[in-house]
Every structure is written in structure tokens, then in C-alpha cells.
Amino acid sequence: MNVILFDGNRRNYLLPLTYTRPVADIRIGILTIREKWEHYLGKTSTITEHYLSGKFPVKIASANILINSSVCPDEDMVKKIKELKTGEALIAEHTLMAVALPKHKAEAFKESDTDCYVKYSYTAKFLQVNNLWDIFQKNAEAIEADFKLLTKGRKSAKISSTNTLVNPENIFLEEGAKMEASVINASSGPVYLAKDAEVMEGSLIRGPFALCEHSTLKMGAKIYGATTVGPHSKVGGEVNNSVIFGYSNKAHDGFLGNAVIGEWCNLGADSNNSNLKNNYAEVKLWNYAENTFVSTGSQFCGLIMADHSKCGINTMFNTGTVVGVSCNIFGAGFPRNFVPSFSWGGATGFMNYSLDKALETAKLVMERRHIELTKEDIKIFEHILQLTKK
């Protein structure tokens, strides 16, 4: 079975995070959506925006299963998808979940062209990422599902006796994970430490929580679930119900709550975001698809920050702030709650962050992790700059 994950009509609702990645590479729970599907079905490729296709190419075979990237899999769903024959589709209400197509139809695939398919309804409950706030709001459910997936039939590595554990059967350490002199309460959700992750002394963790490969919780960190710290990240201070995709740092004190942070981001010491308005009203968030602020339907929503953005020490983010790609924010006061990509400045105003300077910084940051800024990465930067110029 050749499996292709397609972006789908929710892609624009997940900007600015999807400026730099297909929907499939959003992290929710312990794994990215792609990693979840590959756990069940093996290697995948992606139908995504043309400017991303150089870095994320699609592989089309004579027979293909195309799957909606905004949908997270489970055993029942995978079973039904495997049963699809050519020309058959799995539909849940108005969502095309999966369709089996020959090569020529896969090459011309459009999500809206469903009239020619034999349709089967999927009526079971499933997890779907439709909006930016779903990533943290549904993170508890996703961590629970991934924890079961990754630990089924396995035994945790030994946990040091220096730790205080509550509900230890719900705590799992991969080989190479380290945790000393910390308090871990897994009664409200599982706690998962991936390979070579480290929890330093004095950390306080309440599940559900996932610390991915080669990531570190700094000394005295206070973590409330449902929180995910992606691979190769450092986190300190207080974090509540947030998802950090990877290669990003919030290494010092400060509060991050009901937030999503992309890759290659850095939050300066004592930076904070508000996650609740003073009048307790529903939070509105900038929506790229609608080109306006839309209600999240929730009182709690903090910071959404796209890849390669940074903020200086003591930066304050207001409730429901969206920061685009490759921004540099600093100075006293609250910056506005929508910061377009390639912005440089703060509360007193912004200027354009030149592409050359943005690429120079990105190259330096990635080299520290022994990762190359490729020609494809540079093309993506250039295209995002043109897309977001207005």
C-alpha cells in the first residue's frame, strides 16, 4: 500500500504553522500526525503546497491510499482504510478521510472531487486538527492515545528512587532517559520520557506530559498537563497545556500557557504570555483563512508562534497572540496580538526583518544542532516572504 497524506482544506486554518510544513508534520500528543500514520502503515509521502514539495516530495505509485493529514489514526480507522478498494472513500460527515486511487487519478487529486467515489461512512469518534487551538486543547487525548501506542506490551526503563512518583504505572521512560529528584504525578494522565530525554532535579510534573528525544526540563521546572516538549528542546519555568514542536527553547523562568510553539524558536528569560482575558471573555485569534480575528470558543488561549521566531528577555504576549515565521520581538510593553512574518520590533512598532538577516540567523541556529539550512529551506523562506508581504 502506497500511502500519501494530503493537506486538505484545513491547511489555511493552521497557518502560520503550516507555512513551513505540511499538515502531517504538526505535532500533537507525543508524535507528529505523520509519525502516527507511519506507525500503522509504514512510510508516507505528502501532497502539499507546491513551494513545499521540494522538501516534502510526493511519491505516487500504481495504487495509492490518500489520507487526510488533519485526521489522527486509531486501530479501527486504519482497519477500515486498509479495506478500501480502488475508487472507494471513507467519509465522516463532511470530511474526506481517505480514498483509494490509481496513479492517474492520484496525480490529479482534488479533495472536493468526491462525486465519483463509492462512499463509506465513518461514524466512530476520531481526533481531527481543524484549528490552531485544537493542538493544545486536544493534546491530552492525543498523549493518551500515543502513550498506549508506544508502550503497548513494553516495560519502562528503571526510574531512579530519588524521584517521588504518583501512579507510577502511568509513567514510562525509554532507554537513556534520565530523571532525578523530581515529583511526577501521573494520576491525571500519563508521563512519557523519550530516549535521551532528561528531567533535572526539582522539577514538578503533572501529566499528561511528553518529553521527546534529546529534550531537557531545566531544574525546578513546573509542568502542568497536557503538555508536549518536542525533540531537542530545553524548557524551564512554568508551562501549562502547551505544545512545543521541537528544536525550540524556553530555557528560563516565565509562564507559557495554552500555547503552540513551532520549531527553531527561542523565548527569552522571564518572557510570559497571558492565557486568560481580564474580563474572562472568549479569546479571539488571528485567522489567515478568514483574514480576520475569529473566536476560539474558549476563555483560555495564549501564544501561537511559528518557526524561526524569537523574543527577547521579559517579553509580554497578550491573550491570543499569533506570531508568524521568522519574527524577532523585543522591548517593553505588549506587542500587538498579530505579528506578521518577518517582523522586527515590539510594542513601539515593527519594521521588516530582511531576508538576508533572517537566513543568517536561521543558519547559525541550525548549525548549533548540526543541521544544514538547505537550498530548499531557503526557497521556502523566500516564498513565505512573498506570500506574507502584504
Protein backbone atom coordinates (compact mmCIF):
# COMPACT_ATOMS: atom_id res chain seq x y z
CA MET A 1 0.00 0.00 0.00
CA ASN A 2 1.45 3.35 -1.07
CA VAL A 3 0.25 5.89 1.50
CA ILE A 4 0.01 9.60 0.67
CA LEU A 5 -1.01 12.20 3.25
CA PHE A 6 -2.74 15.24 1.74
CA ASP A 7 -3.01 18.66 3.38
CA GLY A 8 -6.77 19.10 2.96
CA ASN A 9 -8.97 22.17 3.32
CA ARG A 10 -7.92 22.83 6.92
CA ARG A 11 -4.39 23.76 5.90
CA ASN A 12 -5.02 27.52 5.74
CA TYR A 13 -6.73 27.41 9.15
CA LEU A 14 -3.48 26.06 10.60
CA LEU A 15 -1.30 28.90 9.33
CA PRO A 16 1.25 30.21 10.27
CA LEU A 17 2.45 26.77 11.46
CA THR A 18 1.78 25.28 8.02
CA TYR A 19 3.76 27.92 6.15
CA THR A 20 6.86 25.79 6.76
CA ARG A 21 5.47 22.24 6.91
CA PRO A 22 2.67 20.02 5.61
CA VAL A 23 -0.26 19.47 7.98
CA ALA A 24 1.07 15.93 8.54
CA ASP A 25 4.12 17.28 10.37
CA ILE A 26 2.16 19.06 13.09
CA ARG A 27 2.97 17.57 16.48
CA ILE A 28 0.06 16.74 18.76
CA GLY A 29 0.41 14.26 21.59
CA ILE A 30 3.82 12.58 21.62
CA LEU A 31 4.16 12.09 17.85
CA THR A 32 3.56 14.15 14.74
CA ILE A 33 0.48 13.21 12.72
CA ARG A 34 2.78 11.66 10.11
CA GLU A 35 4.57 9.57 12.73
CA LYS A 36 1.22 8.27 13.98
CA TRP A 37 0.18 7.11 10.49
CA GLU A 38 3.61 5.62 9.78
CA HIS A 39 3.40 3.60 12.99
CA TYR A 40 0.37 1.83 11.48
CA LEU A 41 1.02 1.93 7.74
CA GLY A 42 4.73 2.43 7.10
CA LYS A 43 6.46 5.13 5.07
CA THR A 44 4.35 8.02 3.74
CA SER A 45 4.77 10.94 1.35
CA THR A 46 2.79 14.16 1.05
CA ILE A 47 0.59 16.18 -1.27
CA THR A 48 1.16 19.73 -0.07
CA GLU A 49 1.71 23.27 -1.36
CA HIS A 50 3.90 23.47 -4.46
CA TYR A 51 6.59 25.57 -2.74
CA LEU A 52 6.94 22.92 0.00
CA SER A 53 7.06 19.97 -2.38
CA GLY A 54 10.82 20.19 -2.96
CA LYS A 55 11.44 19.43 0.70
CA PHE A 56 8.37 17.20 1.08
CA PRO A 57 8.01 15.38 -2.28
CA VAL A 58 5.07 13.13 -3.13
CA LYS A 59 5.58 9.55 -4.27
CA ILE A 60 2.73 8.22 -6.41
CA ALA A 61 2.50 4.51 -7.27
CA SER A 62 0.16 2.47 -9.45
CA ALA A 63 -2.19 2.02 -6.46
CA ASN A 64 -2.47 4.59 -3.65
CA ILE A 65 -4.29 5.36 -0.45
CA LEU A 66 -4.68 9.12 0.08
CA ILE A 67 -5.32 10.13 3.69
CA ASN A 68 -6.41 13.46 5.15
CA SER A 69 -3.48 14.80 7.21
CA SER A 70 -5.69 16.65 9.69
CA VAL A 71 -7.06 13.29 10.91
CA CYS A 72 -5.25 11.30 13.61
CA PRO A 73 -5.44 7.49 13.24
CA ASP A 74 -6.66 4.75 15.54
CA GLU A 75 -6.86 0.97 15.07
CA ASP A 76 -10.49 0.91 13.93
CA MET A 77 -9.95 3.68 11.39
CA VAL A 78 -6.80 2.05 10.00
CA LYS A 79 -8.63 -1.26 9.63
CA LYS A 80 -11.37 0.37 7.56
CA ILE A 81 -8.87 2.27 5.42
CA LYS A 82 -6.98 -0.93 4.65
CA GLU A 83 -10.24 -2.45 3.40
CA LEU A 84 -10.80 0.28 0.79
CA LYS A 85 -10.71 -0.84 -2.84
CA THR A 86 -9.86 1.40 -5.80
CA GLY A 87 -12.43 4.19 -6.15
CA GLU A 88 -13.75 3.76 -2.61
CA ALA A 89 -13.61 6.52 0.01
CA LEU A 90 -14.11 6.79 3.76
CA ILE A 91 -16.17 9.83 4.74
CA ALA A 92 -17.03 11.26 8.17
CA GLU A 93 -19.80 13.85 7.89
CA HIS A 94 -18.19 16.46 5.59
CA THR A 95 -14.60 15.19 5.96
CA LEU A 96 -12.94 13.06 3.29
CA MET A 97 -10.80 10.84 5.49
CA ALA A 98 -9.26 8.51 2.91
CA VAL A 99 -9.65 7.36 -0.68
CA ALA A 100 -8.05 4.59 -2.78
CA LEU A 101 -6.94 5.86 -6.21
CA PRO A 102 -4.93 4.63 -9.20
CA LYS A 103 -1.91 6.65 -10.34
CA HIS A 104 -3.59 8.91 -12.91
CA LYS A 105 -6.35 9.93 -10.51
CA ALA A 106 -3.94 10.43 -7.61
CA GLU A 107 -1.87 12.77 -9.79
CA ALA A 108 -4.98 14.90 -10.48
CA PHE A 109 -6.42 14.57 -6.96
CA LYS A 110 -8.68 17.31 -5.58
CA GLU A 111 -10.24 16.94 -2.15
CA SER A 112 -13.59 18.27 -3.39
CA ASP A 113 -13.94 15.72 -6.22
CA THR A 114 -15.84 13.09 -4.26
CA ASP A 115 -18.85 12.52 -6.54
CA CYS A 116 -17.16 9.69 -8.45
CA TYR A 117 -16.20 7.70 -5.35
CA VAL A 118 -18.07 4.84 -3.71
CA LYS A 119 -18.53 6.34 -0.23
CA TYR A 120 -18.49 4.57 3.11
CA SER A 121 -19.45 6.49 6.26
CA TYR A 122 -17.21 6.51 9.30
CA THR A 123 -19.35 7.11 12.39
CA ALA A 124 -16.92 6.44 15.24
CA LYS A 125 -15.36 9.29 17.21
CA PHE A 126 -11.95 10.43 15.97
CA LEU A 127 -9.41 13.17 16.63
CA GLN A 128 -9.01 15.85 13.98
CA VAL A 129 -6.94 19.04 13.99
CA ASN A 130 -9.17 21.70 12.43
CA ASN A 131 -7.86 24.87 14.06
CA LEU A 132 -4.71 26.14 15.76
CA TRP A 133 -6.23 25.89 19.24
CA ASP A 134 -7.09 22.22 18.69
CA ILE A 135 -3.39 21.44 19.02
CA PHE A 136 -3.30 22.25 22.73
CA GLN A 137 -7.00 21.67 23.52
CA LYS A 138 -6.88 18.08 22.18
CA ASN A 139 -3.34 17.36 23.35
CA ALA A 140 -4.45 15.35 26.40
CA GLU A 141 -6.44 12.96 24.22
CA ALA A 142 -3.54 12.68 21.77
CA ILE A 143 -0.94 11.99 24.50
CA GLU A 144 -3.16 9.25 25.96
CA ALA A 145 -3.51 7.59 22.54
CA ASP A 146 0.20 7.85 21.68
CA PHE A 147 1.24 6.61 25.12
CA LYS A 148 -0.82 3.42 24.61
CA LEU A 149 0.55 3.05 21.08
CA LEU A 150 4.21 3.41 22.07
CA THR A 151 4.19 1.46 25.35
CA LYS A 152 1.89 -1.46 24.48
CA GLY A 153 3.49 -4.71 25.62
CA ARG A 154 6.64 -2.94 26.83
CA LYS A 155 8.21 -2.21 30.19
CA SER A 156 9.60 1.14 31.27
CA ALA A 157 13.29 1.63 31.92
CA LYS A 158 14.12 1.79 35.61
CA ILE A 159 13.10 5.02 37.35
CA SER A 160 15.50 6.40 39.96
CA SER A 161 14.41 6.09 43.59
CA THR A 162 15.32 9.75 44.12
CA ASN A 163 12.01 10.70 42.47
CA THR A 164 8.58 10.94 44.09
CA LEU A 165 6.05 9.11 41.91
CA VAL A 166 2.26 9.21 41.96
CA ASN A 167 0.60 6.47 39.87
CA PRO A 168 3.96 5.07 38.66
CA GLU A 169 2.33 2.51 36.35
CA ASN A 170 1.36 5.51 34.17
CA ILE A 171 4.99 6.70 33.84
CA PHE A 172 7.23 5.37 31.07
CA LEU A 173 10.91 6.05 30.42
CA GLU A 174 12.67 4.94 27.25
CA GLU A 175 16.25 3.67 27.50
CA GLY A 176 18.64 6.57 28.03
CA ALA A 177 16.05 8.86 29.64
CA LYS A 178 17.19 10.42 32.93
CA MET A 179 15.15 11.82 35.81
CA GLU A 180 16.36 12.64 39.32
CA ALA A 181 14.93 14.20 42.48
CA SER A 182 11.66 15.30 40.88
CA VAL A 183 7.94 14.91 41.63
CA ILE A 184 5.84 13.24 38.93
CA ASN A 185 2.07 12.92 39.32
CA ALA A 186 0.58 10.72 36.60
CA SER A 187 -2.84 10.33 38.18
CA SER A 188 -4.48 12.74 35.70
CA GLY A 189 -2.65 11.44 32.64
CA PRO A 190 0.45 9.53 31.51
CA VAL A 191 4.01 10.82 31.61
CA TYR A 192 6.38 9.74 28.82
CA LEU A 193 10.13 10.42 28.58
CA ALA A 194 11.67 9.50 25.23
CA LYS A 195 15.20 8.29 24.50
CA ASP A 196 17.97 10.51 25.96
CA ALA A 197 15.48 13.00 27.44
CA GLU A 198 16.39 14.46 30.84
CA VAL A 199 14.35 15.84 33.73
CA MET A 200 16.68 17.82 36.00
CA GLU A 201 16.39 17.98 39.79
CA GLY A 202 13.47 19.69 41.47
CA SER A 203 11.08 19.52 38.52
CA LEU A 204 7.35 19.23 39.24
CA ILE A 205 5.35 17.39 36.57
CA ARG A 206 1.64 16.71 36.36
CA GLY A 207 0.51 14.54 33.44
CA PRO A 208 -0.39 14.14 30.73
CA PHE A 209 3.12 15.09 29.67
CA ALA A 210 5.58 14.04 26.96
CA LEU A 211 9.27 14.92 26.80
CA CYS A 212 10.59 13.88 23.39
CA GLU A 213 14.05 12.70 22.36
CA HIS A 214 17.10 14.67 23.47
CA SER A 215 14.97 17.27 25.29
CA THR A 216 15.60 18.70 28.74
CA LEU A 217 13.48 20.03 31.58
CA LYS A 218 15.63 22.51 33.45
CA MET A 219 15.95 22.48 37.24
CA GLY A 220 12.80 23.44 39.12
CA ALA A 221 10.54 23.42 36.07
CA LYS A 222 6.78 23.37 36.80
CA ILE A 223 4.80 21.49 34.16
CA TYR A 224 1.01 21.16 34.04
CA GLY A 225 -0.62 18.83 31.51
CA ALA A 226 -1.47 18.43 28.82
CA THR A 227 1.99 19.48 27.64
CA THR A 228 4.38 18.19 24.97
CA VAL A 229 8.01 19.24 24.64
CA GLY A 230 9.23 18.19 21.21
CA PRO A 231 12.65 16.72 20.38
CA HIS A 232 15.86 18.66 21.02
CA SER A 233 14.18 21.35 23.16
CA LYS A 234 15.00 22.90 26.55
CA VAL A 235 12.23 24.07 28.86
CA GLY A 236 12.25 25.77 32.23
CA GLY A 237 9.89 27.90 34.33
CA GLU A 238 6.12 27.30 34.31
CA VAL A 239 4.33 25.65 31.39
CA ASN A 240 0.65 24.73 31.20
CA ASN A 241 -1.19 22.86 28.40
CA SER A 242 1.29 23.76 25.65
CA VAL A 243 2.87 22.03 22.65
CA ILE A 244 6.44 22.78 21.55
CA PHE A 245 7.19 21.19 18.19
CA GLY A 246 10.95 20.72 18.56
CA TYR A 247 14.37 22.39 18.35
CA SER A 248 12.92 25.28 20.38
CA ASN A 249 13.89 26.65 23.76
CA LYS A 250 12.12 28.23 26.70
CA ALA A 251 15.05 27.59 28.98
CA HIS A 252 14.33 30.06 31.79
CA ASP A 253 11.63 31.25 34.18
CA GLY A 254 8.45 32.73 32.78
CA PHE A 255 4.93 31.44 32.02
CA LEU A 256 3.78 29.71 28.83
CA GLY A 257 0.17 28.57 28.81
CA ASN A 258 -2.36 27.22 26.27
CA ALA A 259 0.25 27.78 23.59
CA VAL A 260 1.83 26.24 20.50
CA ILE A 261 5.46 26.96 19.65
CA GLY A 262 6.94 25.89 16.29
CA GLU A 263 10.49 24.75 15.55
CA TRP A 264 13.69 26.79 15.94
CA CYS A 265 12.05 29.30 18.30
CA ASN A 266 13.55 30.85 21.42
CA LEU A 267 11.74 32.59 24.29
CA GLY A 268 13.98 34.92 26.28
CA ALA A 269 14.30 34.73 30.06
CA ASP A 270 11.19 35.77 32.02
CA SER A 271 9.01 36.03 28.92
CA ASN A 272 5.32 35.43 29.65
CA ASN A 273 2.07 35.00 27.81
CA SER A 274 -1.41 35.77 29.10
CA ASN A 275 -3.84 32.90 28.54
CA LEU A 276 -6.97 34.45 30.11
CA LYS A 277 -8.51 37.87 29.42
CA ASN A 278 -9.17 40.16 32.40
CA ASN A 279 -12.91 40.16 31.58
CA TYR A 280 -12.97 36.34 31.14
CA ALA A 281 -14.36 36.74 27.62
CA GLU A 282 -13.80 34.21 24.83
CA VAL A 283 -10.40 34.68 23.20
CA LYS A 284 -10.20 35.69 19.54
CA LEU A 285 -7.27 34.62 17.39
CA TRP A 286 -5.99 35.88 14.03
CA ASN A 287 -7.18 33.54 11.28
CA TYR A 288 -5.26 33.60 7.98
CA ALA A 289 -8.00 31.81 6.04
CA GLU A 290 -10.66 34.33 7.10
CA ASN A 291 -8.25 37.30 7.16
CA THR A 292 -9.69 38.47 10.47
CA PHE A 293 -9.84 37.59 14.16
CA VAL A 294 -12.15 34.66 14.95
CA SER A 295 -13.45 33.35 18.26
CA THR A 296 -11.77 30.25 19.63
CA GLY A 297 -14.86 29.42 21.70
CA SER A 298 -12.61 29.24 24.77
CA GLN A 299 -11.57 31.51 27.62
CA PHE A 300 -8.06 30.07 27.51
CA CYS A 301 -5.69 30.73 24.62
CA GLY A 302 -2.15 32.04 24.87
CA LEU A 303 0.59 32.26 22.25
CA ILE A 304 0.89 30.71 18.77
CA MET A 305 4.42 31.18 17.43
CA ALA A 306 5.57 29.89 14.02
CA ASP A 307 9.01 28.54 13.10
CA HIS A 308 12.24 30.52 13.50
CA SER A 309 10.69 33.28 15.62
CA LYS A 310 12.38 34.65 18.73
CA CYS A 311 11.65 37.04 21.59
CA GLY A 312 13.98 38.92 23.92
CA ILE A 313 14.03 38.81 27.71
CA ASN A 314 10.94 39.99 29.61
CA THR A 315 8.72 39.93 26.50
CA MET A 316 4.98 40.08 27.31
CA PHE A 317 2.46 38.45 24.97
CA ASN A 318 -1.23 39.30 25.29
CA THR A 319 -4.00 36.71 25.31
CA GLY A 320 -4.44 35.08 21.90
CA THR A 321 -1.28 36.34 20.17
CA VAL A 322 -0.26 34.91 16.80
CA VAL A 323 3.36 35.35 15.69
CA GLY A 324 4.34 34.47 12.11
CA VAL A 325 7.50 32.94 10.67
CA SER A 326 10.95 34.39 11.41
CA CYS A 327 9.98 37.28 13.71
CA ASN A 328 12.20 38.98 16.26
CA ILE A 329 10.23 40.57 19.12
CA PHE A 330 11.72 42.59 21.97
CA GLY A 331 11.26 45.61 24.23
CA ALA A 332 8.84 46.73 26.96
CA GLY A 333 5.05 46.60 26.69
CA PHE A 334 2.69 44.28 24.85
CA PRO A 335 3.28 43.86 21.10
CA ARG A 336 0.08 43.67 19.07
CA ASN A 337 -1.68 40.31 19.10
CA PHE A 338 -0.98 39.56 15.44
CA VAL A 339 2.66 39.83 14.38
CA PRO A 340 3.11 39.14 10.65
CA SER A 341 6.00 37.01 9.39
CA PHE A 342 9.41 38.70 9.02
CA SER A 343 8.64 41.41 11.59
CA TRP A 344 11.32 43.01 13.77
CA GLY A 345 10.35 45.13 16.79
CA GLY A 346 7.83 45.25 19.59
CA ALA A 347 5.18 47.38 21.28
CA THR A 348 6.59 50.62 19.88
CA GLY A 349 6.30 49.35 16.30
CA PHE A 350 7.68 46.91 13.76
CA MET A 351 9.91 47.07 10.72
CA ASN A 352 10.65 44.45 8.08
CA TYR A 353 13.14 41.76 9.09
CA SER A 354 15.31 41.48 5.98
CA LEU A 355 15.53 38.06 4.35
CA ASP A 356 19.34 38.06 4.45
CA LYS A 357 19.37 38.67 8.21
CA ALA A 358 16.63 36.09 8.80
CA LEU A 359 18.53 33.44 6.82
CA GLU A 360 21.79 34.32 8.56
CA THR A 361 20.18 33.76 11.97
CA ALA A 362 18.44 30.56 10.88
CA LYS A 363 21.72 29.15 9.54
CA LEU A 364 23.55 29.90 12.80
CA VAL A 365 20.78 28.44 14.97
CA MET A 366 20.52 25.24 12.93
CA GLU A 367 24.30 24.75 12.76
CA ARG A 368 24.35 24.57 16.57
CA ARG A 369 22.29 21.38 16.23
CA HIS A 370 24.42 20.13 13.32
CA ILE A 371 21.57 20.61 10.84
CA GLU A 372 22.08 22.32 7.50
CA LEU A 373 19.93 25.15 6.19
CA THR A 374 19.39 23.69 2.73
CA LYS A 375 18.65 25.32 -0.63
CA GLU A 376 15.08 24.02 -0.29
CA ASP A 377 14.79 25.70 3.12
CA ILE A 378 15.97 28.99 1.61
CA LYS A 379 13.41 28.70 -1.20
CA ILE A 380 10.68 28.18 1.41
CA PHE A 381 11.81 31.31 3.30
CA GLU A 382 11.77 33.31 0.06
CA HIS A 383 8.30 32.10 -0.86
CA ILE A 384 6.84 32.80 2.61
CA LEU A 385 8.23 36.34 2.44
CA GLN A 386 6.37 36.90 -0.84
CA LEU A 387 3.18 35.26 0.46
CA THR A 388 3.11 37.42 3.58
CA LYS A 389 4.41 40.70 2.19
CA LYS A 390 1.04 42.46 2.47
